[in-house]
Protein backbone atom coordinates (compact mmCIF):
# COMPACT_ATOMS: atom_id res chain seq x y z
CA MET A 1 0.00 0.00 0.00
CA THR A 2 1.39 3.39 -0.94
CA PRO A 3 1.58 6.13 1.71
CA ASP A 4 -1.28 8.01 0.00
CA GLY A 5 -3.35 4.84 -0.05
CA ALA A 6 -3.06 4.67 3.73
CA THR A 7 -4.76 8.00 4.28
CA ILE A 8 -8.42 8.91 4.32
CA PRO A 9 -9.34 10.86 2.27
CA ALA A 10 -7.05 9.13 -0.25
CA GLY A 11 -4.19 11.25 -1.43
CA LEU A 12 -4.01 13.32 1.78
CA ALA A 13 -0.34 13.97 2.48
CA VAL A 14 1.11 12.40 5.62
CA ALA A 15 3.57 14.91 6.98
CA ASP A 16 4.44 16.76 10.14
CA THR A 17 1.27 18.63 11.02
CA THR A 18 -0.57 20.52 13.73
CA VAL A 19 -4.15 19.99 14.93
CA ASP A 20 -6.13 20.86 18.00
CA LEU A 21 -6.73 17.28 19.17
CA LEU A 22 -5.08 14.01 18.14
CA ILE A 23 -7.02 10.75 18.52
CA VAL A 24 -4.87 7.61 18.53
CA GLY A 25 -7.07 4.64 17.60
CA SER A 26 -10.12 4.37 15.36
CA GLY A 27 -12.52 2.19 17.36
CA THR A 28 -14.55 4.04 19.96
CA GLY A 29 -11.96 6.80 19.52
CA MET A 30 -14.12 7.90 16.58
CA ALA A 31 -16.71 9.11 19.11
CA ALA A 32 -14.08 11.36 20.67
CA ALA A 33 -13.20 12.69 17.21
CA LEU A 34 -16.82 13.40 16.33
CA SER A 35 -17.47 15.11 19.64
CA ALA A 36 -14.35 17.29 19.31
CA HIS A 37 -15.27 18.18 15.72
CA GLU A 38 -18.74 19.25 16.81
CA LEU A 39 -17.13 21.57 19.36
CA GLY A 40 -15.10 23.24 16.65
CA LEU A 41 -11.73 21.58 17.18
CA SER A 42 -9.56 20.42 14.31
CA VAL A 43 -9.03 16.68 14.72
CA LEU A 44 -6.82 13.94 13.28
CA ILE A 45 -7.27 10.19 13.84
CA VAL A 46 -4.23 7.93 13.51
CA GLU A 47 -4.69 4.17 13.35
CA LYS A 48 -2.03 1.48 13.60
CA ALA A 49 -3.88 -1.05 11.44
CA ALA A 50 -4.68 -0.89 7.74
CA HIS A 51 -8.39 -0.81 8.53
CA VAL A 52 -10.68 1.46 10.55
CA GLY A 53 -12.83 0.22 13.42
CA GLY A 54 -10.58 -1.79 15.73
CA SER A 55 -12.20 -4.21 18.16
CA THR A 56 -15.46 -2.25 17.93
CA ALA A 57 -15.93 -3.53 14.38
CA ARG A 58 -15.17 -7.09 15.53
CA SER A 59 -17.62 -7.00 18.43
CA GLY A 60 -21.28 -7.85 18.81
CA GLY A 61 -21.96 -4.12 18.83
CA ALA A 62 -24.04 -4.10 22.01
CA LEU A 63 -24.09 -0.92 24.13
CA TRP A 64 -24.93 -0.88 27.83
CA LEU A 65 -26.67 2.48 28.17
CA PRO A 66 -28.38 2.71 31.59
CA ALA A 67 -30.96 5.50 31.82
CA GLY A 68 -30.17 6.35 28.21
CA PRO A 69 -32.82 7.84 25.91
CA MET A 70 -34.12 4.40 24.89
CA LEU A 71 -34.33 3.22 28.51
CA ARG A 72 -35.85 6.29 30.15
CA ALA A 73 -39.05 5.74 28.21
CA ALA A 74 -39.23 2.30 29.85
CA GLY A 75 -38.78 3.78 33.32
CA ASP A 76 -35.07 3.29 33.94
CA THR A 77 -33.40 6.01 36.00
CA GLU A 78 -29.89 7.10 36.88
CA GLU A 79 -30.73 6.42 40.52
CA ALA A 80 -31.61 2.77 39.85
CA ALA A 81 -28.51 2.32 37.69
CA ALA A 82 -26.34 3.94 40.36
CA THR A 83 -27.73 1.56 42.96
CA TYR A 84 -26.85 -1.36 40.70
CA LEU A 85 -23.33 -0.13 39.91
CA ASP A 86 -22.66 0.61 43.57
CA ALA A 87 -23.50 -3.02 44.31
CA VAL A 88 -21.62 -4.74 41.48
CA VAL A 89 -18.55 -2.50 41.22
CA ALA A 90 -18.21 -2.80 44.98
CA GLY A 91 -15.39 -0.32 45.29
CA SER A 92 -13.18 -1.86 42.59
CA ALA A 93 -13.26 1.42 40.61
CA PRO A 94 -13.59 5.05 41.72
CA ARG A 95 -17.24 6.00 42.19
CA ALA A 96 -16.66 9.31 40.38
CA ARG A 97 -15.78 7.45 37.17
CA TRP A 98 -18.94 5.43 36.86
CA GLU A 99 -21.08 8.34 38.07
CA ALA A 100 -19.61 10.46 35.25
CA PHE A 101 -20.41 7.65 32.82
CA LEU A 102 -24.04 7.57 33.96
CA SER A 103 -24.51 11.32 33.78
CA HIS A 104 -23.08 11.52 30.25
CA VAL A 105 -24.90 8.59 28.61
CA CYS A 106 -27.75 10.73 27.27
CA PRO A 107 -25.56 13.63 26.01
CA ALA A 108 -23.18 11.19 24.32
CA VAL A 109 -26.02 9.37 22.55
CA ALA A 110 -27.49 12.71 21.50
CA MET A 111 -24.13 13.74 20.04
CA LEU A 112 -23.96 10.52 18.01
CA GLY A 113 -27.48 11.24 16.80
CA ARG A 114 -26.34 14.60 15.47
CA GLN A 115 -22.99 13.50 14.03
CA THR A 116 -24.00 10.13 12.53
CA THR A 117 -27.05 8.44 11.04
CA LEU A 118 -26.85 5.59 13.57
CA ARG A 119 -30.14 4.79 15.27
CA PHE A 120 -30.35 2.72 18.42
CA PHE A 121 -32.97 0.43 19.94
CA TRP A 122 -33.38 -1.22 23.33
CA ALA A 123 -32.65 -4.96 23.25
CA ARG A 124 -35.41 -5.67 25.74
CA ASP A 125 -35.00 -8.73 28.00
CA TYR A 126 -31.23 -8.93 27.48
CA SER A 127 -30.75 -8.99 31.21
CA ASP A 128 -28.09 -7.15 33.15
CA TYR A 129 -25.36 -9.64 34.00
CA HIS A 130 -26.13 -9.51 37.73
CA PRO A 131 -29.86 -8.72 37.76
CA GLU A 132 -30.46 -10.02 41.27
CA GLU A 133 -28.23 -7.33 42.75
CA PRO A 134 -29.92 -4.14 44.06
CA GLY A 135 -30.94 -1.96 41.13
CA GLY A 136 -30.35 -4.77 38.63
CA SER A 137 -32.71 -5.20 35.72
CA ALA A 138 -33.92 -8.49 34.29
CA ALA A 139 -35.29 -6.51 31.32
CA GLY A 140 -31.76 -5.22 30.82
CA ARG A 141 -30.15 -1.95 29.80
CA THR A 142 -28.49 -3.11 26.59
CA CYS A 143 -29.06 -1.31 23.30
CA GLU A 144 -27.98 -1.97 19.72
CA CYS A 145 -27.90 -0.06 16.48
CA HIS A 146 -30.22 -0.94 13.64
CA PRO A 147 -28.43 -2.54 10.66
CA PHE A 148 -26.39 0.09 8.83
CA ASP A 149 -25.89 0.44 5.08
CA THR A 150 -22.11 0.30 4.67
CA SER A 151 -22.39 1.44 1.05
CA LEU A 152 -22.61 4.93 2.57
CA LEU A 153 -18.85 4.59 3.09
CA GLY A 154 -18.41 4.68 -0.67
CA ALA A 155 -14.90 3.82 -1.79
CA TYR A 156 -13.85 3.42 1.84
CA ARG A 157 -16.16 0.48 2.59
CA THR A 158 -13.25 -1.93 2.08
CA ARG A 159 -11.27 0.02 4.67
CA LEU A 160 -13.58 -1.10 7.49
CA GLU A 161 -12.10 -3.67 9.88
CA PRO A 162 -13.58 -7.10 8.97
CA GLY A 163 -15.97 -8.68 11.45
CA LEU A 164 -15.48 -11.91 13.35
CA MET A 165 -18.28 -13.75 11.57
CA GLU A 166 -18.49 -12.98 7.86
CA ALA A 167 -21.43 -14.87 6.33
CA ALA A 168 -21.46 -16.03 2.71
CA VAL A 169 -25.11 -14.92 2.50
CA PRO A 170 -25.80 -11.34 3.63
CA ILE A 171 -27.88 -11.59 6.81
CA PRO A 172 -27.43 -8.48 9.02
CA THR A 173 -28.08 -10.12 12.39
CA THR A 174 -28.36 -8.09 15.59
CA GLY A 175 -27.79 -9.65 18.98
CA ALA A 176 -31.52 -9.57 19.62
CA ASP A 177 -32.06 -11.44 16.33
CA TYR A 178 -29.40 -14.01 17.18
CA ARG A 179 -31.26 -15.16 20.26
CA TRP A 180 -34.24 -16.30 18.21
CA MET A 181 -32.38 -17.39 15.09
CA ASN A 182 -30.34 -19.71 17.33
CA LEU A 183 -33.63 -21.25 18.49
CA VAL A 184 -35.14 -21.55 15.01
CA ALA A 185 -35.48 -25.34 15.33
CA ARG A 186 -37.12 -25.06 18.77
CA VAL A 187 -39.18 -21.86 18.48
CA PRO A 188 -39.91 -21.59 14.74
CA GLY A 189 -42.66 -19.04 15.33
CA LYS A 190 -39.98 -16.58 16.43
CA GLY A 191 -36.92 -17.88 14.66
CA ILE A 192 -38.24 -18.24 11.12
CA PRO A 193 -39.78 -14.73 10.83
CA THR A 194 -36.63 -13.20 12.32
CA PHE A 195 -34.42 -15.10 9.90
CA ALA A 196 -36.67 -14.25 6.95
CA LYS A 197 -36.74 -10.55 7.84
CA ARG A 198 -32.96 -10.23 7.99
CA LEU A 199 -32.43 -12.40 4.92
CA ALA A 200 -34.82 -10.20 2.97
CA GLN A 201 -33.06 -7.06 4.21
CA GLY A 202 -29.63 -8.42 3.34
CA VAL A 203 -30.39 -9.94 -0.06
CA GLY A 204 -32.95 -7.31 -1.01
CA GLY A 205 -30.54 -4.58 -0.02
CA ARG A 206 -27.87 -5.98 -2.33
CA LEU A 207 -30.31 -5.78 -5.25
CA LEU A 208 -30.68 -2.08 -4.44
CA GLY A 209 -26.96 -1.55 -4.09
CA ARG A 210 -27.04 -1.52 -0.30
CA HIS A 211 -24.75 -3.52 1.97
CA TYR A 212 -26.31 -3.83 5.42
CA ALA A 213 -24.21 -4.74 8.42
CA ALA A 214 -25.30 -5.31 11.99
CA GLY A 215 -23.54 -5.64 15.33
CA GLY A 216 -20.09 -4.16 15.68
CA GLN A 217 -19.68 -3.90 11.92
CA GLY A 218 -22.78 -1.72 11.68
CA LEU A 219 -21.78 0.41 14.65
CA ALA A 220 -18.22 0.99 13.42
CA ALA A 221 -19.47 1.70 9.90
CA GLY A 222 -21.88 4.32 11.24
CA LEU A 223 -19.13 6.02 13.22
CA PHE A 224 -16.78 5.86 10.22
CA ALA A 225 -19.45 7.37 7.95
CA GLY A 226 -19.85 10.20 10.45
CA VAL A 227 -16.09 10.79 10.44
CA LEU A 228 -16.05 10.92 6.63
CA ARG A 229 -19.03 13.27 6.50
CA ALA A 230 -17.31 15.56 9.04
CA GLY A 231 -14.16 15.61 6.92
CA ILE A 232 -12.01 14.30 9.77
CA PRO A 233 -8.77 12.89 8.30
CA VAL A 234 -7.69 9.36 9.24
CA TRP A 235 -4.18 8.00 8.81
CA THR A 236 -4.00 4.22 8.75
CA ASP A 237 -0.83 2.10 8.92
CA ALA A 238 0.43 4.72 11.37
CA PRO A 239 1.47 3.08 14.67
CA LEU A 240 2.17 5.27 17.68
CA LEU A 241 5.87 5.44 18.57
CA ARG A 242 5.82 7.87 21.48
CA LEU A 243 4.07 10.87 22.92
CA HIS A 244 5.58 14.29 22.43
CA GLY A 245 5.65 17.13 24.92
CA ASP A 246 7.59 19.52 27.06
CA GLY A 247 7.78 19.57 30.82
CA ASP A 248 4.73 17.83 32.27
CA ARG A 249 2.40 18.47 29.33
CA VAL A 250 1.70 16.25 26.31
CA ARG A 251 1.64 18.27 23.11
CA GLY A 252 1.35 15.63 20.44
CA ALA A 253 2.81 12.34 19.28
CA VAL A 254 5.24 10.75 16.89
CA VAL A 255 3.88 8.03 14.61
CA GLN A 256 5.54 5.84 12.03
CA HIS A 257 4.32 5.96 8.47
CA GLY A 258 5.85 4.77 5.23
CA GLY A 259 9.11 3.90 6.99
CA ARG A 260 9.62 7.32 8.54
CA GLU A 261 8.71 9.20 11.70
CA VAL A 262 6.01 11.88 11.55
CA LEU A 263 5.45 14.46 14.28
CA ILE A 264 1.88 15.52 15.02
CA THR A 265 1.60 18.57 17.25
CA ALA A 266 -1.71 18.74 19.13
CA ARG A 267 -2.53 22.10 20.69
CA ARG A 268 -5.11 20.66 23.11
CA GLY A 269 -3.47 17.27 23.56
CA VAL A 270 -3.89 13.58 22.75
CA VAL A 271 -6.68 11.06 23.37
CA LEU A 272 -5.36 7.49 23.57
CA ALA A 273 -7.93 5.01 22.25
CA THR A 274 -5.58 2.26 21.12
CA GLY A 275 -7.40 -0.64 22.79
CA GLY A 276 -5.86 -2.95 25.34
CA PHE A 277 -2.90 -5.32 25.29
CA ASP A 278 -4.93 -8.21 23.87
CA HIS A 279 -2.11 -9.57 21.68
CA SER A 280 0.94 -8.60 23.71
CA MET A 281 1.63 -11.99 25.22
CA ASP A 282 4.57 -10.71 27.26
CA MET A 283 2.21 -8.31 29.05
CA ARG A 284 -0.54 -10.89 29.38
CA TRP A 285 1.73 -13.53 30.86
CA LYS A 286 3.25 -10.93 33.19
CA PHE A 287 0.05 -9.34 34.47
CA GLN A 288 -2.58 -12.06 34.03
CA SER A 289 -1.56 -15.70 33.80
CA GLU A 290 1.25 -17.72 32.26
CA SER A 291 -1.35 -20.37 31.42
CA LEU A 292 -3.09 -18.20 28.80
CA GLY A 293 -2.82 -19.53 25.28
CA ALA A 294 -0.97 -17.34 22.79
CA HIS A 295 -3.12 -14.98 20.73
CA LEU A 296 -6.46 -16.49 21.66
CA SER A 297 -8.00 -13.04 22.13
CA LEU A 298 -10.83 -12.02 19.84
CA GLY A 299 -9.67 -8.41 20.06
CA ALA A 300 -8.11 -6.68 17.06
CA ALA A 301 -4.64 -7.95 16.17
CA ALA A 302 -3.23 -4.42 16.40
CA ASN A 303 -4.06 -4.21 20.11
CA THR A 304 -0.64 -4.74 21.66
CA GLY A 305 -0.69 -2.18 24.45
CA ASP A 306 0.97 0.67 22.52
CA GLY A 307 -1.09 3.42 24.12
CA ILE A 308 -0.64 2.02 27.61
CA ARG A 309 3.12 1.85 27.24
CA ALA A 310 3.28 5.35 25.72
CA GLY A 311 1.28 6.70 28.65
CA GLN A 312 3.55 4.96 31.13
CA GLU A 313 6.59 6.53 29.47
CA ARG A 314 5.07 9.92 30.26
CA GLY A 315 4.58 8.91 33.90
CA GLY A 316 1.07 7.48 33.75
CA GLY A 317 -0.01 4.96 36.35
CA ILE A 318 -1.67 1.64 35.50
CA GLY A 319 -4.32 -0.48 37.19
CA LEU A 320 -6.53 -3.56 36.84
CA MET A 321 -3.95 -5.14 34.55
CA ASP A 322 -5.08 -8.61 35.61
CA GLN A 323 -8.53 -8.00 34.13
CA ALA A 324 -10.01 -8.77 30.72
CA TRP A 325 -13.42 -9.14 29.16
CA TRP A 326 -12.99 -12.92 29.38
CA PHE A 327 -14.90 -14.98 26.83
CA PRO A 328 -14.89 -18.80 26.67
CA ALA A 329 -14.72 -20.01 23.07
CA VAL A 330 -14.34 -23.10 20.90
CA ALA A 331 -10.68 -24.12 20.70
CA PRO A 332 -9.18 -22.94 17.41
CA LEU A 333 -8.18 -25.07 14.48
CA PRO A 334 -4.46 -24.80 13.68
CA GLY A 335 -3.70 -21.32 12.41
CA ALA A 336 -7.25 -20.07 13.00
CA ALA A 337 -8.95 -17.98 15.66
CA PRO A 338 -11.21 -19.41 18.37
CA ALA A 339 -14.86 -19.76 17.37
CA VAL A 340 -17.32 -17.53 19.20
CA MET A 341 -19.63 -19.17 21.76
CA LEU A 342 -22.52 -17.08 23.01
CA ALA A 343 -25.63 -19.10 23.79
CA GLU A 344 -24.06 -22.57 23.68
CA ARG A 345 -23.10 -22.70 27.38
CA SER A 346 -26.62 -21.78 28.51
CA LEU A 347 -28.64 -24.20 26.44
CA PRO A 348 -30.14 -27.32 28.04
CA GLY A 349 -28.67 -30.72 27.32
CA SER A 350 -25.11 -29.58 27.89
CA LEU A 351 -22.52 -29.18 30.63
CA ILE A 352 -18.84 -28.28 30.89
CA VAL A 353 -16.18 -30.40 32.59
CA ASP A 354 -12.47 -30.11 33.34
CA GLN A 355 -9.61 -32.57 32.91
CA HIS A 356 -10.91 -34.54 35.88
CA GLY A 357 -14.34 -34.99 34.31
CA ARG A 358 -15.93 -32.64 36.87
CA ARG A 359 -18.03 -29.52 36.57
CA PHE A 360 -16.43 -26.42 38.05
CA ALA A 361 -18.77 -23.48 37.37
CA ASN A 362 -22.24 -22.31 36.41
CA GLU A 363 -21.97 -22.83 32.67
CA SER A 364 -24.60 -20.16 31.98
CA SER A 365 -22.94 -17.32 33.90
CA ASP A 366 -21.82 -14.21 32.05
CA TYR A 367 -18.59 -14.72 30.16
CA MET A 368 -16.43 -12.39 32.26
CA SER A 369 -17.49 -14.09 35.49
CA PHE A 370 -16.86 -17.48 33.89
CA GLY A 371 -13.29 -16.46 33.05
CA GLN A 372 -12.74 -14.97 36.50
CA ARG A 373 -13.88 -18.27 37.97
CA LEU A 374 -11.28 -20.14 35.88
CA LEU A 375 -8.45 -17.86 36.97
CA GLY A 376 -9.63 -17.92 40.56
CA LEU A 377 -9.41 -21.72 40.55
CA GLU A 378 -5.90 -21.47 39.11
CA ARG A 379 -4.80 -19.08 41.86
CA SER A 380 -6.26 -21.38 44.50
CA GLY A 381 -4.19 -24.30 43.26
CA SER A 382 -6.99 -26.12 41.39
CA PRO A 383 -6.39 -25.09 37.78
CA VAL A 384 -8.69 -26.04 34.92
CA GLU A 385 -6.11 -27.30 32.47
CA THR A 386 -8.54 -28.42 29.79
CA MET A 387 -12.28 -27.96 29.46
CA TRP A 388 -14.87 -29.64 27.30
CA ILE A 389 -18.49 -28.82 26.58
CA ILE A 390 -20.48 -32.05 26.55
CA PHE A 391 -23.86 -32.41 24.81
CA ASP A 392 -26.16 -35.02 23.35
CA GLN A 393 -27.79 -35.59 19.96
CA HIS A 394 -30.96 -33.77 20.99
CA TYR A 395 -28.87 -30.66 21.66
CA ARG A 396 -27.06 -31.09 18.32
CA ASN A 397 -30.41 -31.34 16.52
CA SER A 398 -31.77 -28.23 18.19
CA TYR A 399 -29.24 -25.39 18.29
CA VAL A 400 -26.57 -23.50 16.37
CA PHE A 401 -23.07 -24.25 17.65
CA GLY A 402 -19.95 -22.12 17.33
CA ALA A 403 -21.81 -19.73 14.99
CA GLN A 404 -21.18 -22.11 12.08
CA VAL A 405 -22.70 -25.53 12.81
CA PHE A 406 -26.46 -25.36 12.35
CA PRO A 407 -29.06 -27.76 13.82
CA ARG A 408 -28.64 -31.33 12.53
CA MET A 409 -25.45 -30.43 10.68
CA ARG A 410 -22.52 -32.73 11.37
CA ILE A 411 -19.66 -31.36 13.39
CA PRO A 412 -16.90 -30.58 10.87
CA ARG A 413 -14.45 -33.40 10.18
CA ALA A 414 -11.62 -30.92 10.68
CA TRP A 415 -12.64 -30.54 14.34
CA TYR A 416 -12.28 -34.27 14.92
CA ASP A 417 -8.99 -34.41 13.02
CA ALA A 418 -7.59 -31.55 15.10
CA GLY A 419 -8.63 -33.21 18.37
CA ILE A 420 -11.02 -30.46 19.41
CA ALA A 421 -14.12 -32.64 19.00
CA ALA A 422 -15.02 -36.22 19.85
CA ARG A 423 -18.05 -38.47 19.60
CA GLY A 424 -19.06 -41.48 21.65
CA ASP A 425 -21.97 -43.89 21.66
CA ASP A 426 -22.03 -43.74 25.44
CA PHE A 427 -20.42 -41.64 28.15
CA ALA A 428 -17.67 -44.13 28.91
CA GLN A 429 -16.58 -44.22 25.28
CA LEU A 430 -16.70 -40.42 25.05
CA ALA A 431 -14.61 -40.03 28.21
CA ALA A 432 -11.98 -42.44 26.92
CA ARG A 433 -11.73 -40.59 23.62
CA ILE A 434 -11.01 -37.22 25.25
CA GLY A 435 -8.76 -38.59 27.99
CA LEU A 436 -11.06 -38.14 31.00
CA PRO A 437 -11.22 -40.60 33.91
CA VAL A 438 -14.32 -42.67 33.16
CA PRO A 439 -15.59 -43.18 36.75
CA GLU A 440 -15.39 -39.47 37.64
CA PHE A 441 -16.93 -38.38 34.36
CA THR A 442 -19.84 -40.79 34.50
CA ALA A 443 -20.49 -39.85 38.13
CA THR A 444 -20.61 -36.18 37.10
CA ILE A 445 -23.06 -36.97 34.29
CA ASN A 446 -25.29 -39.07 36.52
CA ARG A 447 -25.50 -36.37 39.19
CA PHE A 448 -26.10 -33.67 36.60
CA ASN A 449 -28.86 -35.69 34.91
CA ARG A 450 -30.67 -36.40 38.18
CA ASN A 451 -30.68 -32.74 39.13
CA ALA A 452 -31.49 -31.52 35.62
CA ALA A 453 -34.54 -33.78 35.50
CA ALA A 454 -35.81 -31.89 38.53
CA GLY A 455 -34.85 -28.53 37.03
CA GLU A 456 -32.29 -27.84 39.75
CA ASP A 457 -28.56 -27.23 39.97
CA PRO A 458 -27.66 -27.37 43.67
CA ASP A 459 -23.94 -27.32 42.82
CA PHE A 460 -23.70 -24.04 40.87
CA GLY A 461 -27.19 -22.56 40.63
CA ARG A 462 -27.49 -22.71 36.85
CA GLY A 463 -30.74 -21.16 35.69
CA ARG A 464 -31.50 -19.16 38.82
CA SER A 465 -30.47 -15.83 37.29
CA ALA A 466 -32.51 -13.98 34.68
CA TYR A 467 -29.26 -13.60 32.75
CA ASP A 468 -28.79 -17.39 32.64
CA ARG A 469 -32.30 -17.80 31.29
CA TYR A 470 -31.94 -15.20 28.50
CA TYR A 471 -29.92 -17.62 26.37
CA GLY A 472 -31.80 -20.69 27.56
CA ASP A 473 -34.50 -22.60 25.71
CA PRO A 474 -37.96 -21.25 26.69
CA THR A 475 -39.62 -24.51 25.60
CA ILE A 476 -37.86 -26.39 28.41
CA SER A 477 -39.58 -26.41 31.79
CA PRO A 478 -39.12 -25.87 34.69
CA ASN A 479 -35.57 -24.64 33.99
CA PRO A 480 -34.73 -23.39 30.46
CA ASN A 481 -31.02 -24.03 31.09
CA LEU A 482 -31.23 -27.64 32.23
CA ARG A 483 -32.12 -30.94 30.61
CA ALA A 484 -30.71 -34.39 31.22
CA LEU A 485 -28.41 -35.76 28.50
CA THR A 486 -30.19 -38.92 27.43
CA LYS A 487 -30.11 -39.33 23.65
CA GLY A 488 -26.85 -40.53 22.15
CA PRO A 489 -24.54 -40.31 20.47
CA PHE A 490 -22.79 -37.86 22.79
CA TYR A 491 -20.31 -35.17 21.83
CA ALA A 492 -17.45 -33.22 23.36
CA VAL A 493 -15.93 -30.00 22.00
CA ARG A 494 -12.82 -28.52 23.52
CA MET A 495 -12.99 -24.97 24.84
CA VAL A 496 -10.39 -22.32 25.59
CA LEU A 497 -10.42 -19.12 27.60
CA SER A 498 -10.47 -16.30 25.08
CA ASP A 499 -11.50 -12.68 25.63
CA LEU A 500 -12.99 -9.64 23.92
CA GLY A 501 -9.99 -7.57 24.96
CA THR A 502 -8.17 -6.61 28.13
CA CYS A 503 -9.71 -3.98 30.41
CA GLY A 504 -6.83 -2.82 32.56
CA GLY A 505 -4.69 0.10 31.55
CA LEU A 506 -3.84 3.68 32.33
CA THR A 507 -5.42 5.15 35.43
CA VAL A 508 -7.72 8.04 34.58
CA ASP A 509 -10.09 10.36 36.42
CA HIS A 510 -13.77 11.18 35.88
CA ARG A 511 -12.82 13.48 32.98
CA GLY A 512 -10.76 10.79 31.22
CA ARG A 513 -7.47 12.50 32.07
CA VAL A 514 -4.49 10.18 32.58
CA LEU A 515 -3.13 10.22 36.12
CA ARG A 516 0.35 9.69 37.45
CA GLU A 517 0.95 7.06 40.10
CA ASP A 518 0.59 9.76 42.78
CA GLY A 519 -2.81 10.80 41.37
CA ALA A 520 -1.61 14.01 39.69
CA VAL A 521 -3.04 14.81 36.25
CA ILE A 522 -0.86 14.62 33.13
CA ASP A 523 -1.87 17.72 31.21
CA GLY A 524 -2.91 17.16 27.64
CA LEU A 525 -3.41 13.40 27.86
CA TRP A 526 -6.63 11.41 27.99
CA ALA A 527 -7.30 7.67 27.68
CA VAL A 528 -10.60 5.98 26.83
CA GLY A 529 -11.94 2.49 26.23
CA ASN A 530 -9.66 -0.44 26.91
CA THR A 531 -6.58 1.79 27.00
CA ALA A 532 -7.86 2.99 30.38
CA THR A 533 -8.83 1.04 33.47
CA ASN A 534 -12.34 -0.39 33.31
CA VAL A 535 -14.90 2.19 34.47
CA PHE A 536 -16.64 -0.67 36.28
CA GLY A 537 -13.58 -2.11 38.00
CA THR A 538 -13.55 -5.90 38.04
CA THR A 539 -17.14 -6.18 36.84
CA TYR A 540 -19.02 -6.52 33.57
CA PRO A 541 -22.42 -5.00 34.48
CA GLY A 542 -24.20 -5.80 31.23
CA ALA A 543 -23.78 -6.61 27.54
CA GLY A 544 -22.02 -3.75 25.77
CA ALA A 545 -20.45 -2.14 28.83
CA THR A 546 -17.06 -2.21 27.12
CA ILE A 547 -18.05 -0.33 23.93
CA ALA A 548 -20.44 1.99 25.76
CA GLN A 549 -17.79 3.27 28.14
CA GLY A 550 -15.45 3.88 25.20
CA LEU A 551 -18.06 5.97 23.39
CA VAL A 552 -19.21 7.88 26.46
CA TYR A 553 -15.72 8.61 27.74
CA GLY A 554 -14.67 9.62 24.24
CA TYR A 555 -17.39 12.26 24.47
CA ILE A 556 -16.27 13.27 27.97
CA ALA A 557 -12.59 13.51 27.02
CA ALA A 558 -13.30 15.62 23.92
CA ARG A 559 -15.39 18.06 25.91
CA ASP A 560 -12.68 18.30 28.53
CA ALA A 561 -10.07 18.96 25.85
CA ALA A 562 -12.29 21.69 24.38
CA GLY A 563 -12.75 23.26 27.79
CA THR A 564 -16.52 22.62 27.86
CA GLY A 565 -16.57 19.52 30.08
């Protein structure tokens, strides 16, 4: 790619330049750019990768927007959300940070409404992740954007970061759609119309020259379209080398482009939105666990902690480095990425076991809590070295698996050949084929089946939470998450601990300003999204909390830089 080809608009010269505000990172950092532009600042976005969108474009695109415009109409309030966050954050993050998030949700959404054509809806019934806590909501506070026509990006549509799940047939599927499409074989009255609606939109749109995308692809495309419409320049293939400044103030940055160093002077300062350290294995093994598999993260490949390290070099403190948006996934085929698992763990007729053939967690718990449980067991001296999801033929006939194996489809031969799947006519044969001790495994199955038949899980409480039940099967009673495994053959698929990105980073205050280890502010430097410590500490309060905080704090940081915060 030529230097000109790495700039947007194409042909824009990459040279030493001066702007009011520099945004490093083109995921949720685009919200900071749009907000700053609206306030009259000149803005430049620099992006390490060749594409725009970062992990936002690879995500499910959900947004946790408590007491936001879509939720207020349903009766949600900042007071109820504050009660919930007070309970679940439990002091693991400064109260001022999540209070600022709450108070800026509505203004940030309003800004996006003015600067983009994105339109959001409430994904009703997508429960908060801890709905039984005070202030929690079983109806949920998660929102999504309606499918977005990426043809509005024009010639730059190919510059959007590819999504995790690219379908051969265009079906712009939102998270709310996925729930019912996954149950199409069990609840056809919901699944078939949902599938037909999105298929018609996708295929029909193509006939009209439209390319609809949903989820993170749709969200990132909408932000990108807003950036293009605003005339905000974007430099891609421009990794951050170091921050630039004098004394205690940051006044710009040096990036690499076309084999040379380019100095960008920023009169108001720099917003770091470079993502976490998802693919810096040295950092992950140092701060998190040496047991983590290499490059199993679903975060963007460019996320290697550049912004965090640059902030540290200027004296910034760090925190919560042991935390990530953990996400259990199907073990990858050689040379491939892990396959996304969303509903699979919650559906009846399945359970998860470790190398001893024993259950170790509530399979249906939210994905961050599931990962924290795994690492907690490791720290306590009882590590889960391997884990397998076990299910029967009835399960295989009923549900989508790994976002690519549809009901009644055979598990791919490549999975068996790679040793990440096995099949057995009975439980003893299955255990032998995946190297589990037969007596322990069959005892686990027998206990699970007895309890599942009664709709109970006295060991881990599966199905007691409204969140558990969201991805369950509503046709199963009394517990939509539990059913005995009775119809062979039986299957096992190996799982790994993946993540959606890390969520520890530079310590920041309620205005998004980076802080030194002693708590003093570094003038001219802000950090948002996964480059900063999680607004919610060690907790994932609800689906989309990661992207939402990036967007909202991008808005906050831009206003602070403009002097209007």
